[in-house]
């Protein structure tokens, strides 16, 4: 499945560490907003006015306590539909 085919409410994962590029109000540029592999949910899908063919996804990622954070604007290349961790019988995760 392609990221572009997803909809609001779909689960995604951070393809890499997502950092503040300076566009978060009152944020710290370079701060890690979502760790690589973090699970999130799409809350809105939009487009950049200057690039209407390019989608931007608002995603709320879970932290280590499984608490959803504030929405983060992500490009399709920031996201993946597959977890970086595999669960094996017994509930153990491989990374």
PDB file of N, CA and C in Angstrom:
ATOM      1  N   UNK A   1       0.845  -1.180   0.000  1.00  0.00           N
ATOM      2  CA  UNK A   1       0.000   0.000   0.000  1.00  0.00           C
ATOM      3  C   UNK A   1       0.888   1.240   0.000  1.00  0.00           C
ATOM      4  N   UNK A   2       0.477   2.236  -0.750  1.00  0.00           N
ATOM      5  CA  UNK A   2       1.228   3.488  -0.836  1.00  0.00           C
ATOM      6  C   UNK A   2       0.717   4.479   0.208  1.00  0.00           C
ATOM      7  N   UNK A   3       1.614   5.283   0.739  1.00  0.00           N
ATOM      8  CA  UNK A   3       1.235   6.308   1.715  1.00  0.00           C
ATOM      9  C   UNK A   3       0.156   7.213   1.123  1.00  0.00           C
ATOM     10  N   UNK A   4       0.280   7.545  -0.138  1.00  0.00           N
ATOM     11  CA  UNK A   4      -0.674   8.441  -0.792  1.00  0.00           C
ATOM     12  C   UNK A   4      -2.095   7.875  -0.833  1.00  0.00           C
ATOM     13  N   UNK A   5      -2.243   6.565  -0.644  1.00  0.00           N
ATOM     14  CA  UNK A   5      -3.559   5.924  -0.675  1.00  0.00           C
ATOM     15  C   UNK A   5      -4.219   5.875   0.707  1.00  0.00           C
ATOM     16  N   UNK A   6      -3.516   6.318   1.738  1.00  0.00           N
ATOM     17  CA  UNK A   6      -4.042   6.247   3.094  1.00  0.00           C
ATOM     18  C   UNK A   6      -5.044   7.365   3.358  1.00  0.00           C
ATOM     19  N   UNK A   7      -5.782   7.217   4.462  1.00  0.00           N
ATOM     20  CA  UNK A   7      -6.829   8.175   4.811  1.00  0.00           C
ATOM     21  C   UNK A   7      -6.735   8.520   6.292  1.00  0.00           C
ATOM     22  N   UNK A   8      -7.519   9.475   6.702  1.00  0.00           N
ATOM     23  CA  UNK A   8      -7.581   9.872   8.107  1.00  0.00           C
ATOM     24  C   UNK A   8      -7.943   8.652   8.957  1.00  0.00           C
ATOM     25  N   UNK A   9      -7.231   8.483  10.061  1.00  0.00           N
ATOM     26  CA  UNK A   9      -7.457   7.356  10.964  1.00  0.00           C
ATOM     27  C   UNK A   9      -6.553   6.170  10.709  1.00  0.00           C
ATOM     28  N   UNK A  10      -5.854   6.158   9.575  1.00  0.00           N
ATOM     29  CA  UNK A  10      -4.950   5.042   9.270  1.00  0.00           C
ATOM     30  C   UNK A  10      -3.670   5.136  10.100  1.00  0.00           C
ATOM     31  N   UNK A  11      -3.120   3.984  10.450  1.00  0.00           N
ATOM     32  CA  UNK A  11      -1.892   3.897  11.234  1.00  0.00           C
ATOM     33  C   UNK A  11      -0.689   3.920  10.293  1.00  0.00           C
ATOM     34  N   UNK A  12       0.322   4.703  10.677  1.00  0.00           N
ATOM     35  CA  UNK A  12       1.574   4.795   9.930  1.00  0.00           C
ATOM     36  C   UNK A  12       2.724   4.730  10.924  1.00  0.00           C
ATOM     37  N   UNK A  13       3.937   4.656  10.408  1.00  0.00           N
ATOM     38  CA  UNK A  13       5.134   4.632  11.238  1.00  0.00           C
ATOM     39  C   UNK A  13       6.125   5.645  10.682  1.00  0.00           C
ATOM     40  N   UNK A  14       6.931   6.233  11.562  1.00  0.00           N
ATOM     41  CA  UNK A  14       7.962   7.176  11.131  1.00  0.00           C
ATOM     42  C   UNK A  14       9.050   6.401  10.395  1.00  0.00           C
ATOM     43  N   UNK A  15       9.334   6.790   9.167  1.00  0.00           N
ATOM     44  CA  UNK A  15      10.341   6.108   8.351  1.00  0.00           C
ATOM     45  C   UNK A  15      11.756   6.412   8.849  1.00  0.00           C
ATOM     46  N   UNK A  16      11.905   7.500   9.587  1.00  0.00           N
ATOM     47  CA  UNK A  16      13.181   7.939  10.155  1.00  0.00           C
ATOM     48  C   UNK A  16      12.852   8.877  11.305  1.00  0.00           C
ATOM     49  N   UNK A  17      13.836   9.311  12.058  1.00  0.00           N
ATOM     50  CA  UNK A  17      13.575  10.275  13.123  1.00  0.00           C
ATOM     51  C   UNK A  17      13.062  11.564  12.477  1.00  0.00           C
ATOM     52  N   UNK A  18      11.961  12.080  12.980  1.00  0.00           N
ATOM     53  CA  UNK A  18      11.368  13.304  12.441  1.00  0.00           C
ATOM     54  C   UNK A  18      11.708  14.434  13.412  1.00  0.00           C
ATOM     55  N   UNK A  19      12.370  15.476  12.896  1.00  0.00           N
ATOM     56  CA  UNK A  19      12.820  16.580  13.733  1.00  0.00           C
ATOM     57  C   UNK A  19      12.123  17.877  13.345  1.00  0.00           C
ATOM     58  N   UNK A  20      12.106  18.805  14.276  1.00  0.00           N
ATOM     59  CA  UNK A  20      11.531  20.132  14.046  1.00  0.00           C
ATOM     60  C   UNK A  20      12.443  20.884  13.078  1.00  0.00           C
ATOM     61  N   UNK A  21      11.880  21.278  11.965  1.00  0.00           N
ATOM     62  CA  UNK A  21      12.649  22.025  10.969  1.00  0.00           C
ATOM     63  C   UNK A  21      12.566  23.528  11.205  1.00  0.00           C
ATOM     64  N   UNK A  22      12.039  23.903  12.365  1.00  0.00           N
ATOM     65  CA  UNK A  22      11.897  25.314  12.701  1.00  0.00           C
ATOM     66  C   UNK A  22      10.499  25.837  12.459  1.00  0.00           C
ATOM     67  N   UNK A  23       9.605  24.979  11.979  1.00  0.00           N
ATOM     68  CA  UNK A  23       8.254  25.429  11.648  1.00  0.00           C
ATOM     69  C   UNK A  23       7.229  25.205  12.761  1.00  0.00           C
ATOM     70  N   UNK A  24       7.638  24.570  13.871  1.00  0.00           N
ATOM     71  CA  UNK A  24       6.724  24.324  14.989  1.00  0.00           C
ATOM     72  C   UNK A  24       6.710  25.569  15.873  1.00  0.00           C
ATOM     73  N   UNK A  25       5.552  26.194  16.076  1.00  0.00           N
ATOM     74  CA  UNK A  25       5.493  27.372  16.955  1.00  0.00           C
ATOM     75  C   UNK A  25       6.020  27.033  18.356  1.00  0.00           C
ATOM     76  N   UNK A  26       6.896  27.861  18.868  1.00  0.00           N
ATOM     77  CA  UNK A  26       7.515  27.697  20.185  1.00  0.00           C
ATOM     78  C   UNK A  26       8.328  26.407  20.299  1.00  0.00           C
ATOM     79  N   UNK A  27       8.685  25.801  19.174  1.00  0.00           N
ATOM     80  CA  UNK A  27       9.490  24.585  19.185  1.00  0.00           C
ATOM     81  C   UNK A  27      10.969  24.899  19.112  1.00  0.00           C
ATOM     82  N   UNK A  28      11.774  23.862  19.237  1.00  0.00           N
ATOM     83  CA  UNK A  28      13.226  23.988  19.134  1.00  0.00           C
ATOM     84  C   UNK A  28      13.692  23.320  17.856  1.00  0.00           C
ATOM     85  N   UNK A  29      14.267  24.085  16.956  1.00  0.00           N
ATOM     86  CA  UNK A  29      14.750  23.522  15.703  1.00  0.00           C
ATOM     87  C   UNK A  29      15.739  22.399  15.991  1.00  0.00           C
ATOM     88  N   UNK A  30      15.540  21.246  15.319  1.00  0.00           N
ATOM     89  CA  UNK A  30      16.399  20.084  15.506  1.00  0.00           C
ATOM     90  C   UNK A  30      15.896  19.113  16.563  1.00  0.00           C
ATOM     91  N   UNK A  31      14.891  19.514  17.343  1.00  0.00           N
ATOM     92  CA  UNK A  31      14.340  18.619  18.369  1.00  0.00           C
ATOM     93  C   UNK A  31      13.665  17.426  17.704  1.00  0.00           C
ATOM     94  N   UNK A  32      13.889  16.217  18.247  1.00  0.00           N
ATOM     95  CA  UNK A  32      13.263  15.010  17.707  1.00  0.00           C
ATOM     96  C   UNK A  32      11.797  14.993  18.131  1.00  0.00           C
ATOM     97  N   UNK A  33      10.904  14.976  17.143  1.00  0.00           N
ATOM     98  CA  UNK A  33       9.463  14.969  17.390  1.00  0.00           C
ATOM     99  C   UNK A  33       8.893  13.564  17.387  1.00  0.00           C
ATOM    100  N   UNK A  34       9.502  12.675  16.608  1.00  0.00           N
ATOM    101  CA  UNK A  34       9.086  11.269  16.547  1.00  0.00           C
ATOM    102  C   UNK A  34      10.324  10.433  16.229  1.00  0.00           C
ATOM    103  N   UNK A  35      10.551   9.409  17.022  1.00  0.00           N
ATOM    104  CA  UNK A  35      11.683   8.513  16.803  1.00  0.00           C
ATOM    105  C   UNK A  35      11.408   7.635  15.575  1.00  0.00           C
ATOM    106  N   UNK A  36      12.447   7.180  14.914  1.00  0.00           N
ATOM    107  CA  UNK A  36      12.291   6.247  13.795  1.00  0.00           C
ATOM    108  C   UNK A  36      11.502   5.033  14.260  1.00  0.00           C
ATOM    109  N   UNK A  37      10.492   4.650  13.512  1.00  0.00           N
ATOM    110  CA  UNK A  37       9.678   3.490  13.839  1.00  0.00           C
ATOM    111  C   UNK A  37       8.493   3.786  14.739  1.00  0.00           C
ATOM    112  N   UNK A  38       8.370   5.037  15.218  1.00  0.00           N
ATOM    113  CA  UNK A  38       7.247   5.388  16.087  1.00  0.00           C
ATOM    114  C   UNK A  38       5.920   5.200  15.349  1.00  0.00           C
ATOM    115  N   UNK A  39       4.930   4.675  16.063  1.00  0.00           N
ATOM    116  CA  UNK A  39       3.602   4.467  15.480  1.00  0.00           C
ATOM    117  C   UNK A  39       2.788   5.743  15.631  1.00  0.00           C
ATOM    118  N   UNK A  40       2.030   6.051  14.586  1.00  0.00           N
ATOM    119  CA  UNK A  40       1.189   7.236  14.620  1.00  0.00           C
ATOM    120  C   UNK A  40      -0.111   7.016  13.881  1.00  0.00           C
ATOM    121  N   UNK A  41      -0.986   7.995  13.978  1.00  0.00           N
ATOM    122  CA  UNK A  41      -2.272   7.948  13.293  1.00  0.00           C
ATOM    123  C   UNK A  41      -2.439   9.247  12.496  1.00  0.00           C
ATOM    124  N   UNK A  42      -2.917   9.104  11.262  1.00  0.00           N
ATOM    125  CA  UNK A  42      -3.147  10.272  10.410  1.00  0.00           C
ATOM    126  C   UNK A  42      -4.403  10.987  10.905  1.00  0.00           C
ATOM    127  N   UNK A  43      -4.268  12.299  11.171  1.00  0.00           N
ATOM    128  CA  UNK A  43      -5.411  13.073  11.657  1.00  0.00           C
ATOM    129  C   UNK A  43      -5.952  14.043  10.611  1.00  0.00           C
ATOM    130  N   UNK A  44      -5.144  14.353   9.611  1.00  0.00           N
ATOM    131  CA  UNK A  44      -5.595  15.252   8.544  1.00  0.00           C
ATOM    132  C   UNK A  44      -4.654  15.107   7.355  1.00  0.00           C
ATOM    133  N   UNK A  45      -5.187  15.311   6.175  1.00  0.00           N
ATOM    134  CA  UNK A  45      -4.374  15.287   4.961  1.00  0.00           C
ATOM    135  C   UNK A  45      -4.663  16.563   4.199  1.00  0.00           C
ATOM    136  N   UNK A  46      -3.607  17.250   3.781  1.00  0.00           N
ATOM    137  CA  UNK A  46      -3.771  18.494   3.049  1.00  0.00           C
ATOM    138  C   UNK A  46      -2.715  18.624   1.974  1.00  0.00           C
ATOM    139  N   UNK A  47      -2.599  19.831   1.466  1.00  0.00           N
ATOM    140  CA  UNK A  47      -1.641  20.126   0.400  1.00  0.00           C
ATOM    141  C   UNK A  47      -0.991  21.467   0.683  1.00  0.00           C
ATOM    142  N   UNK A  48       0.226  21.624   0.220  1.00  0.00           N
ATOM    143  CA  UNK A  48       0.927  22.891   0.322  1.00  0.00           C
ATOM    144  C   UNK A  48       0.475  23.747  -0.854  1.00  0.00           C
ATOM    145  N   UNK A  49       0.125  24.985  -0.587  1.00  0.00           N
ATOM    146  CA  UNK A  49      -0.419  25.864  -1.631  1.00  0.00           C
ATOM    147  C   UNK A  49       0.521  25.978  -2.834  1.00  0.00           C
ATOM    148  N   UNK A  50       1.831  26.056  -2.553  1.00  0.00           N
ATOM    149  CA  UNK A  50       2.807  26.202  -3.636  1.00  0.00           C
ATOM    150  C   UNK A  50       3.025  24.910  -4.415  1.00  0.00           C
ATOM    151  N   UNK A  51       2.627  23.764  -3.824  1.00  0.00           N
ATOM    152  CA  UNK A  51       2.804  22.461  -4.460  1.00  0.00           C
ATOM    153  C   UNK A  51       1.529  21.644  -4.266  1.00  0.00           C
ATOM    154  N   UNK A  52       0.450  21.990  -4.949  1.00  0.00           N
ATOM    155  CA  UNK A  52      -0.826  21.310  -4.715  1.00  0.00           C
ATOM    156  C   UNK A  52      -0.806  19.813  -5.048  1.00  0.00           C
ATOM    157  N   UNK A  53       0.176  19.354  -5.803  1.00  0.00           N
ATOM    158  CA  UNK A  53       0.266  17.928  -6.136  1.00  0.00           C
ATOM    159  C   UNK A  53       0.940  17.124  -5.020  1.00  0.00           C
ATOM    160  N   UNK A  54       1.477  17.807  -4.025  1.00  0.00           N
ATOM    161  CA  UNK A  54       2.212  17.137  -2.938  1.00  0.00           C
ATOM    162  C   UNK A  54       1.376  17.158  -1.648  1.00  0.00           C
ATOM    163  N   UNK A  55       1.109  15.965  -1.111  1.00  0.00           N
ATOM    164  CA  UNK A  55       0.308  15.861   0.109  1.00  0.00           C
ATOM    165  C   UNK A  55       1.170  16.057   1.349  1.00  0.00           C
ATOM    166  N   UNK A  56       0.569  16.678   2.339  1.00  0.00           N
ATOM    167  CA  UNK A  56       1.172  16.765   3.666  1.00  0.00           C
ATOM    168  C   UNK A  56       0.201  16.071   4.624  1.00  0.00           C
ATOM    169  N   UNK A  57       0.750  15.234   5.483  1.00  0.00           N
ATOM    170  CA  UNK A  57      -0.047  14.434   6.406  1.00  0.00           C
ATOM    171  C   UNK A  57       0.180  14.942   7.820  1.00  0.00           C
ATOM    172  N   UNK A  58      -0.896  15.257   8.538  1.00  0.00           N
ATOM    173  CA  UNK A  58      -0.770  15.567   9.958  1.00  0.00           C
ATOM    174  C   UNK A  58      -0.891  14.245  10.705  1.00  0.00           C
ATOM    175  N   UNK A  59       0.134  13.920  11.480  1.00  0.00           N
ATOM    176  CA  UNK A  59       0.201  12.636  12.169  1.00  0.00           C
ATOM    177  C   UNK A  59       0.473  12.881  13.650  1.00  0.00           C
ATOM    178  N   UNK A  60      -0.260  12.164  14.489  1.00  0.00           N
ATOM    179  CA  UNK A  60       0.006  12.161  15.930  1.00  0.00           C
ATOM    180  C   UNK A  60       0.721  10.863  16.252  1.00  0.00           C
ATOM    181  N   UNK A  61       1.982  10.985  16.677  1.00  0.00           N
ATOM    182  CA  UNK A  61       2.804   9.820  16.995  1.00  0.00           C
ATOM    183  C   UNK A  61       2.732   9.496  18.477  1.00  0.00           C
ATOM    184  N   UNK A  62       2.862   8.201  18.788  1.00  0.00           N
ATOM    185  CA  UNK A  62       2.926   7.759  20.176  1.00  0.00           C
ATOM    186  C   UNK A  62       4.335   7.965  20.717  1.00  0.00           C
ATOM    187  N   UNK A  63       4.410   8.286  22.012  1.00  0.00           N
ATOM    188  CA  UNK A  63       5.717   8.320  22.661  1.00  0.00           C
ATOM    189  C   UNK A  63       5.972   6.957  23.312  1.00  0.00           C
ATOM    190  N   UNK A  64       7.019   6.854  24.101  1.00  0.00           N
ATOM    191  CA  UNK A  64       7.367   5.568  24.728  1.00  0.00           C
ATOM    192  C   UNK A  64       6.306   5.090  25.713  1.00  0.00           C
ATOM    193  N   UNK A  65       5.458   6.008  26.198  1.00  0.00           N
ATOM    194  CA  UNK A  65       4.373   5.648  27.116  1.00  0.00           C
ATOM    195  C   UNK A  65       3.057   5.408  26.376  1.00  0.00           C
ATOM    196  N   UNK A  66       3.121   5.363  25.051  1.00  0.00           N
ATOM    197  CA  UNK A  66       1.966   5.148  24.180  1.00  0.00           C
ATOM    198  C   UNK A  66       0.949   6.292  24.261  1.00  0.00           C
ATOM    199  N   UNK A  67       1.440   7.497  24.583  1.00  0.00           N
ATOM    200  CA  UNK A  67       0.610   8.690  24.612  1.00  0.00           C
ATOM    201  C   UNK A  67       0.768   9.410  23.283  1.00  0.00           C
ATOM    202  N   UNK A  68      -0.358   9.793  22.680  1.00  0.00           N
ATOM    203  CA  UNK A  68      -0.295  10.511  21.406  1.00  0.00           C
ATOM    204  C   UNK A  68       0.188  11.931  21.622  1.00  0.00           C
ATOM    205  N   UNK A  69       1.128  12.349  20.797  1.00  0.00           N
ATOM    206  CA  UNK A  69       1.645  13.709  20.857  1.00  0.00           C
ATOM    207  C   UNK A  69       0.837  14.641  19.978  1.00  0.00           C
ATOM    208  N   UNK A  70       1.288  15.866  19.891  1.00  0.00           N
ATOM    209  CA  UNK A  70       0.649  16.859  19.034  1.00  0.00           C
ATOM    210  C   UNK A  70       0.823  16.491  17.571  1.00  0.00           C
ATOM    211  N   UNK A  71      -0.088  16.944  16.711  1.00  0.00           N
ATOM    212  CA  UNK A  71       0.041  16.645  15.276  1.00  0.00           C
ATOM    213  C   UNK A  71       1.322  17.238  14.687  1.00  0.00           C
ATOM    214  N   UNK A  72       1.944  16.456  13.823  1.00  0.00           N
ATOM    215  CA  UNK A  72       3.175  16.856  13.144  1.00  0.00           C
ATOM    216  C   UNK A  72       2.934  16.758  11.643  1.00  0.00           C
ATOM    217  N   UNK A  73       3.309  17.777  10.910  1.00  0.00           N
ATOM    218  CA  UNK A  73       3.207  17.741   9.456  1.00  0.00           C
ATOM    219  C   UNK A  73       4.314  16.870   8.874  1.00  0.00           C
ATOM    220  N   UNK A  74       3.935  15.893   8.060  1.00  0.00           N
ATOM    221  CA  UNK A  74       4.897  14.956   7.472  1.00  0.00           C
ATOM    222  C   UNK A  74       4.665  14.839   5.965  1.00  0.00           C
ATOM    223  N   UNK A  75       5.739  14.657   5.238  1.00  0.00           N
ATOM    224  CA  UNK A  75       5.658  14.324   3.822  1.00  0.00           C
ATOM    225  C   UNK A  75       5.524  12.814   3.696  1.00  0.00           C
ATOM    226  N   UNK A  76       5.107  12.333   2.553  1.00  0.00           N
ATOM    227  CA  UNK A  76       4.958  10.887   2.316  1.00  0.00           C
ATOM    228  C   UNK A  76       6.265  10.153   2.587  1.00  0.00           C
ATOM    229  N   UNK A  77       7.392  10.743   2.236  1.00  0.00           N
ATOM    230  CA  UNK A  77       8.677  10.061   2.435  1.00  0.00           C
ATOM    231  C   UNK A  77       9.084   9.968   3.908  1.00  0.00           C
ATOM    232  N   UNK A  78       8.394  10.684   4.794  1.00  0.00           N
ATOM    233  CA  UNK A  78       8.653  10.593   6.229  1.00  0.00           C
ATOM    234  C   UNK A  78       7.937   9.407   6.865  1.00  0.00           C
ATOM    235  N   UNK A  79       7.037   8.783   6.114  1.00  0.00           N
ATOM    236  CA  UNK A  79       6.149   7.759   6.677  1.00  0.00           C
ATOM    237  C   UNK A  79       6.286   6.424   5.968  1.00  0.00           C
ATOM    238  N   UNK A  80       5.937   5.377   6.680  1.00  0.00           N
ATOM    239  CA  UNK A  80       5.864   4.039   6.109  1.00  0.00           C
ATOM    240  C   UNK A  80       4.643   3.342   6.696  1.00  0.00           C
ATOM    241  N   UNK A  81       4.144   2.346   5.998  1.00  0.00           N
ATOM    242  CA  UNK A  81       2.976   1.615   6.494  1.00  0.00           C
ATOM    243  C   UNK A  81       3.388   0.340   7.223  1.00  0.00           C
ATOM    244  N   UNK A  82       4.684   0.057   7.247  1.00  0.00           N
ATOM    245  CA  UNK A  82       5.179  -1.158   7.891  1.00  0.00           C
ATOM    246  C   UNK A  82       6.004  -0.803   9.109  1.00  0.00           C
ATOM    247  N   UNK A  83       5.766  -1.525  10.196  1.00  0.00           N
ATOM    248  CA  UNK A  83       6.533  -1.336  11.415  1.00  0.00           C
ATOM    249  C   UNK A  83       7.960  -1.805  11.196  1.00  0.00           C
ATOM    250  N   UNK A  84       8.898  -1.170  11.862  1.00  0.00           N
ATOM    251  CA  UNK A  84      10.294  -1.599  11.796  1.00  0.00           C
ATOM    252  C   UNK A  84      10.551  -2.750  12.746  1.00  0.00           C
ATOM    253  N   UNK A  85       9.545  -3.117  13.532  1.00  0.00           N
ATOM    254  CA  UNK A  85       9.694  -4.200  14.507  1.00  0.00           C
ATOM    255  C   UNK A  85       8.790  -5.349  14.110  1.00  0.00           C
ATOM    256  N   UNK A  86       9.282  -6.564  14.242  1.00  0.00           N
ATOM    257  CA  UNK A  86       8.485  -7.752  13.991  1.00  0.00           C
ATOM    258  C   UNK A  86       8.140  -8.406  15.320  1.00  0.00           C
ATOM    259  N   UNK A  87       6.912  -8.820  15.468  1.00  0.00           N
ATOM    260  CA  UNK A  87       6.546  -9.537  16.680  1.00  0.00           C
ATOM    261  C   UNK A  87       6.602 -11.032  16.380  1.00  0.00           C
ATOM    262  N   UNK A  88       7.270 -11.770  17.263  1.00  0.00           N
ATOM    263  CA  UNK A  88       7.375 -13.211  17.097  1.00  0.00           C
ATOM    264  C   UNK A  88       6.521 -13.880  18.170  1.00  0.00           C
ATOM    265  N   UNK A  89       6.197 -15.142  18.006  1.00  0.00           N
ATOM    266  CA  UNK A  89       5.370 -15.818  19.012  1.00  0.00           C
ATOM    267  C   UNK A  89       5.928 -15.603  20.415  1.00  0.00           C
ATOM    268  N   UNK A  90       5.028 -15.361  21.357  1.00  0.00           N
ATOM    269  CA  UNK A  90       5.434 -15.074  22.723  1.00  0.00           C
ATOM    270  C   UNK A  90       5.453 -13.593  23.008  1.00  0.00           C
ATOM    271  N   UNK A  91       5.197 -12.764  21.959  1.00  0.00           N
ATOM    272  CA  UNK A  91       5.101 -11.331  22.138  1.00  0.00           C
ATOM    273  C   UNK A  91       6.430 -10.586  22.092  1.00  0.00           C
ATOM    274  N   UNK A  92       7.526 -11.257  21.776  1.00  0.00           N
ATOM    275  CA  UNK A  92       8.810 -10.591  21.720  1.00  0.00           C
ATOM    276  C   UNK A  92       8.922  -9.810  20.421  1.00  0.00           C
ATOM    277  N   UNK A  93       9.613  -8.658  20.490  1.00  0.00           N
ATOM    278  CA  UNK A  93       9.795  -7.838  19.301  1.00  0.00           C
ATOM    279  C   UNK A  93      11.240  -7.903  18.850  1.00  0.00           C
ATOM    280  N   UNK A  94      11.422  -8.017  17.563  1.00  0.00           N
ATOM    281  CA  UNK A  94      12.747  -7.975  16.966  1.00  0.00           C
ATOM    282  C   UNK A  94      12.923  -6.602  16.347  1.00  0.00           C
ATOM    283  N   UNK A  95      14.077  -6.012  16.530  1.00  0.00           N
ATOM    284  CA  UNK A  95      14.303  -4.704  15.888  1.00  0.00           C
ATOM    285  C   UNK A  95      15.537  -4.726  15.040  1.00  0.00           C
TER     286      UNK A  95
END
